[in-house]
């Protein structure tokens, strides 16, 4: 595939194990064992994906994520987190990480996540190459797919890449109910039992940005016992 991947992970054995399996998929893989050398490598070379551990010596994963997202170029970030670091995981997603995997994880799962990130990026590039401008109007919201921008009540809404993809999927399918596993498959590009909470955390943060009252959402509705749907403003029952 010719993709370049950087692994920033202080556990040498884990980093080398990931490198071995990723190379088996024909990826070019570099390793950094601390945060300082990690950010230096990330800024010195163009990578197609960075696999980033949150707990690092020298410079932690959150600061690395913040610095990368403040730059002009965009690189997908897949975070590695521990089960006890929920707050850091949420902060990492808020700073712009594309996805996360909780330790301990299986190699098969991580490989699936990597492939899913590349499929999503390829889909975005394909859409850009098609130069098809799509403007979606929903209530007081305007979504520009070409610019990947969201305007709500005249103000720009700052969304991460994954939040935008999730919102766009909902907005393109108003009124349709999706389970968490279906959203994982459609938006994240994989289905993995036990990771439905990934959907929940993204929807909660998305609601905090687009809903006047996240406790009583207008756009992203909960369908109890099933999942979520996006309001269809063409139906009177979905009016806010």
Protein backbone atom coordinates (compact mmCIF):
# COMPACT_ATOMS: atom_id res chain seq x y z
CA UNK A 1 0.00 0.00 0.00
CA UNK A 2 2.99 2.29 0.41
CA UNK A 3 1.71 3.88 3.63
CA UNK A 4 4.04 5.39 6.22
CA UNK A 5 3.18 4.78 9.89
CA UNK A 6 4.80 6.17 13.03
CA UNK A 7 4.41 4.30 16.33
CA UNK A 8 5.04 6.41 19.44
CA UNK A 9 5.05 3.89 22.28
CA UNK A 10 7.48 3.57 25.20
CA UNK A 11 6.97 -0.19 25.55
CA UNK A 12 9.70 -1.39 23.19
CA UNK A 13 8.39 -4.95 22.90
CA UNK A 14 4.86 -3.79 22.06
CA UNK A 15 6.15 -1.21 19.58
CA UNK A 16 8.30 -3.80 17.81
CA UNK A 17 5.46 -6.32 17.76
CA UNK A 18 3.16 -3.77 16.11
CA UNK A 19 5.91 -2.82 13.70
CA UNK A 20 6.34 -6.47 12.68
CA UNK A 21 2.65 -7.02 11.97
CA UNK A 22 2.22 -3.71 10.16
CA UNK A 23 5.23 -4.46 7.97
CA UNK A 24 3.58 -7.77 7.08
CA UNK A 25 0.83 -5.59 5.54
CA UNK A 26 3.48 -3.79 3.46
CA UNK A 27 3.46 -0.62 5.54
CA UNK A 28 6.64 1.34 6.23
CA UNK A 29 6.87 1.70 10.01
CA UNK A 30 9.03 3.90 12.24
CA UNK A 31 9.19 3.75 16.03
CA UNK A 32 9.74 6.40 18.71
CA UNK A 33 10.06 5.29 22.33
CA UNK A 34 9.38 8.63 24.02
CA UNK A 35 7.33 11.76 23.42
CA UNK A 36 10.17 14.12 22.54
CA UNK A 37 11.62 11.91 19.80
CA UNK A 38 8.08 11.06 18.73
CA UNK A 39 7.02 14.63 18.00
CA UNK A 40 10.37 15.27 16.33
CA UNK A 41 9.85 12.37 13.93
CA UNK A 42 6.22 13.31 13.33
CA UNK A 43 7.20 16.84 12.35
CA UNK A 44 10.19 15.80 10.23
CA UNK A 45 8.44 13.32 7.93
CA UNK A 46 5.03 12.94 6.29
CA UNK A 47 3.13 10.02 7.80
CA UNK A 48 -0.20 8.50 6.78
CA UNK A 49 -0.99 7.40 10.36
CA UNK A 50 0.42 7.90 13.84
CA UNK A 51 -0.23 5.27 16.50
CA UNK A 52 0.14 7.22 19.73
CA UNK A 53 0.33 5.99 23.30
CA UNK A 54 -1.08 8.46 25.82
CA UNK A 55 1.34 7.69 28.65
CA UNK A 56 4.82 8.62 27.43
CA UNK A 57 8.04 9.85 29.05
CA UNK A 58 9.25 13.33 28.15
CA UNK A 59 6.08 14.52 26.43
CA UNK A 60 2.69 12.87 26.89
CA UNK A 61 0.35 11.78 24.13
CA UNK A 62 -2.16 14.57 24.75
CA UNK A 63 0.46 17.27 24.18
CA UNK A 64 1.68 15.49 21.04
CA UNK A 65 -1.88 15.31 19.75
CA UNK A 66 -2.40 19.00 20.51
CA UNK A 67 0.77 20.00 18.65
CA UNK A 68 -0.04 17.85 15.63
CA UNK A 69 -3.55 19.26 15.34
CA UNK A 70 -2.26 22.84 15.58
CA UNK A 71 -0.18 22.27 12.43
CA UNK A 72 -1.26 22.89 8.86
CA UNK A 73 -1.19 19.28 7.65
CA UNK A 74 -3.56 16.57 8.83
CA UNK A 75 -2.46 13.10 9.86
CA UNK A 76 -4.82 10.48 11.34
CA UNK A 77 -4.07 9.60 14.97
CA UNK A 78 -4.93 6.26 16.58
CA UNK A 79 -4.52 6.46 20.35
CA UNK A 80 -3.49 3.64 22.65
CA UNK A 81 -5.02 4.04 26.11
CA UNK A 82 -5.40 2.11 29.33
CA UNK A 83 -8.77 1.16 30.81
CA UNK A 84 -8.23 3.59 33.70
CA UNK A 85 -7.56 6.66 31.54
CA UNK A 86 -11.12 7.55 30.48
CA UNK A 87 -10.63 11.29 31.05
CA UNK A 88 -7.42 11.36 29.01
CA UNK A 89 -9.13 9.32 26.30
CA UNK A 90 -11.98 11.85 26.06
CA UNK A 91 -9.48 14.73 26.02
CA UNK A 92 -7.52 13.00 23.27
CA UNK A 93 -10.63 12.62 21.15
CA UNK A 94 -11.54 16.24 21.80
CA UNK A 95 -8.06 17.31 20.65
CA UNK A 96 -8.62 15.53 17.36
CA UNK A 97 -7.55 11.90 17.68
CA UNK A 98 -9.44 9.81 15.13
CA UNK A 99 -9.91 6.68 17.20
CA UNK A 100 -8.56 4.79 20.18
CA UNK A 101 -7.81 1.24 21.26
CA UNK A 102 -7.88 0.26 24.91
CA UNK A 103 -5.05 -1.83 26.33
CA UNK A 104 -4.83 -4.76 26.45
CA UNK A 105 -5.94 -5.25 22.84
CA UNK A 106 -5.55 -7.98 20.26
CA UNK A 107 -3.23 -7.48 17.32
CA UNK A 108 -6.09 -8.46 15.00
CA UNK A 109 -8.25 -5.68 16.41
CA UNK A 110 -5.56 -3.04 16.01
CA UNK A 111 -4.83 -4.12 12.43
CA UNK A 112 -8.57 -3.79 11.69
CA UNK A 113 -8.56 -0.27 13.15
CA UNK A 114 -5.57 0.73 11.04
CA UNK A 115 -7.22 -0.55 7.86
CA UNK A 116 -10.44 1.25 8.78
CA UNK A 117 -8.60 4.57 9.18
CA UNK A 118 -7.05 4.19 5.74
CA UNK A 119 -10.40 3.25 4.16
CA UNK A 120 -11.98 6.36 5.65
CA UNK A 121 -9.16 8.61 4.44
CA UNK A 122 -9.35 7.07 0.98
CA UNK A 123 -13.09 7.69 0.90
CA UNK A 124 -12.54 11.35 1.82
CA UNK A 125 -9.87 11.75 -0.87
CA UNK A 126 -12.13 10.11 -3.44
CA UNK A 127 -14.94 12.51 -2.59
CA UNK A 128 -12.54 15.45 -2.86
CA UNK A 129 -11.34 14.24 -6.27
CA UNK A 130 -14.92 14.00 -7.47
CA UNK A 131 -15.27 17.71 -6.64
CA UNK A 132 -18.92 17.19 -5.78
CA UNK A 133 -20.16 20.00 -3.57
CA UNK A 134 -22.97 18.93 -1.26
CA UNK A 135 -24.70 21.39 1.02
CA UNK A 136 -27.05 19.89 3.58
CA UNK A 137 -29.61 22.09 5.34
CA UNK A 138 -31.18 20.70 8.49
CA UNK A 139 -33.05 22.97 10.87
CA UNK A 140 -30.68 25.84 11.67
CA UNK A 141 -27.66 23.79 10.57
CA UNK A 142 -25.75 23.98 7.29
CA UNK A 143 -23.20 21.29 6.45
CA UNK A 144 -20.73 21.85 3.60
CA UNK A 145 -19.22 18.50 2.65
CA UNK A 146 -16.50 19.97 0.42
CA UNK A 147 -15.22 22.35 3.08
CA UNK A 148 -16.10 19.85 5.83
CA UNK A 149 -17.62 22.73 7.75
CA UNK A 150 -20.71 23.13 9.92
CA UNK A 151 -22.58 26.38 10.49
CA UNK A 152 -25.22 26.46 13.23
CA UNK A 153 -27.30 29.57 13.87
CA UNK A 154 -24.71 31.56 11.93
CA UNK A 155 -21.71 30.36 13.94
CA UNK A 156 -19.00 27.92 12.93
CA UNK A 157 -19.01 24.66 14.90
CA UNK A 158 -15.53 23.28 15.55
CA UNK A 159 -15.68 19.48 15.07
CA UNK A 160 -13.02 16.81 15.02
CA UNK A 161 -12.70 14.70 11.87
CA UNK A 162 -14.64 11.80 13.39
CA UNK A 163 -17.35 14.04 14.83
CA UNK A 164 -17.87 15.56 11.39
CA UNK A 165 -18.07 12.11 9.76
CA UNK A 166 -20.62 10.99 12.34
CA UNK A 167 -22.74 14.12 11.95
CA UNK A 168 -22.58 13.88 8.15
CA UNK A 169 -23.71 10.26 8.19
CA UNK A 170 -26.68 11.17 10.38
CA UNK A 171 -27.59 14.25 8.32
CA UNK A 172 -27.54 12.28 5.07
CA UNK A 173 -30.00 9.81 6.56
CA UNK A 174 -32.57 11.83 8.57
CA UNK A 175 -35.15 9.79 10.42
CA UNK A 176 -33.29 6.50 10.02
CA UNK A 177 -32.48 4.68 13.24
CA UNK A 178 -29.00 3.22 13.69
CA UNK A 179 -27.74 0.90 16.39
CA UNK A 180 -24.34 1.56 17.91
CA UNK A 181 -22.81 -1.40 16.09
CA UNK A 182 -24.22 -0.12 12.77
CA UNK A 183 -22.67 3.30 13.39
CA UNK A 184 -19.34 1.68 14.20
CA UNK A 185 -19.48 -0.10 10.86
CA UNK A 186 -20.73 2.86 8.81
CA UNK A 187 -18.64 5.67 10.33
CA UNK A 188 -15.62 3.99 11.87
CA UNK A 189 -15.35 1.29 9.22
CA UNK A 190 -15.34 -1.68 11.57
CA UNK A 191 -17.65 -3.55 13.89
CA UNK A 192 -16.19 -4.72 17.20
CA UNK A 193 -18.26 -6.03 20.07
CA UNK A 194 -17.64 -4.12 23.26
CA UNK A 195 -16.72 -0.82 21.61
CA UNK A 196 -20.22 0.65 21.40
CA UNK A 197 -19.10 3.10 24.12
CA UNK A 198 -16.92 4.70 21.43
CA UNK A 199 -20.14 5.74 19.69
CA UNK A 200 -21.67 6.96 22.94
CA UNK A 201 -18.72 9.20 23.81
CA UNK A 202 -18.65 10.76 20.33
CA UNK A 203 -22.39 11.38 20.32
CA UNK A 204 -22.23 12.98 23.77
CA UNK A 205 -19.47 15.34 22.67
CA UNK A 206 -21.22 16.06 19.37
CA UNK A 207 -24.41 16.92 21.23
CA UNK A 208 -22.48 19.28 23.51
CA UNK A 209 -21.43 21.21 20.40
CA UNK A 210 -24.61 21.29 18.31
CA UNK A 211 -27.50 21.07 20.78
CA UNK A 212 -28.87 24.04 22.69
CA UNK A 213 -29.76 21.62 25.46
CA UNK A 214 -27.78 18.36 25.20
CA UNK A 215 -30.08 16.80 27.80
CA UNK A 216 -33.01 17.34 25.42
CA UNK A 217 -31.39 17.02 21.98
CA UNK A 218 -33.05 18.41 18.90
CA UNK A 219 -30.81 16.94 16.18
CA UNK A 220 -29.45 13.62 17.42
CA UNK A 221 -32.28 11.71 19.11
CA UNK A 222 -31.99 8.61 21.28
CA UNK A 223 -34.28 5.76 20.27
CA UNK A 224 -34.47 3.80 23.50
CA UNK A 225 -33.48 0.17 23.25
CA UNK A 226 -32.22 0.57 19.67
CA UNK A 227 -29.79 3.43 19.10
CA UNK A 228 -29.91 6.90 17.58
CA UNK A 229 -31.46 8.83 14.73
CA UNK A 230 -31.09 12.28 13.19
CA UNK A 231 -34.15 14.53 13.24
CA UNK A 232 -36.14 14.63 10.01
CA UNK A 233 -37.43 18.18 9.97
CA UNK A 234 -39.79 17.28 7.12
CA UNK A 235 -41.90 15.40 9.66
CA UNK A 236 -43.88 17.33 12.24
CA UNK A 237 -43.09 14.72 14.91
CA UNK A 238 -39.37 15.58 14.62
CA UNK A 239 -39.73 19.32 15.08
CA UNK A 240 -37.84 20.84 18.01
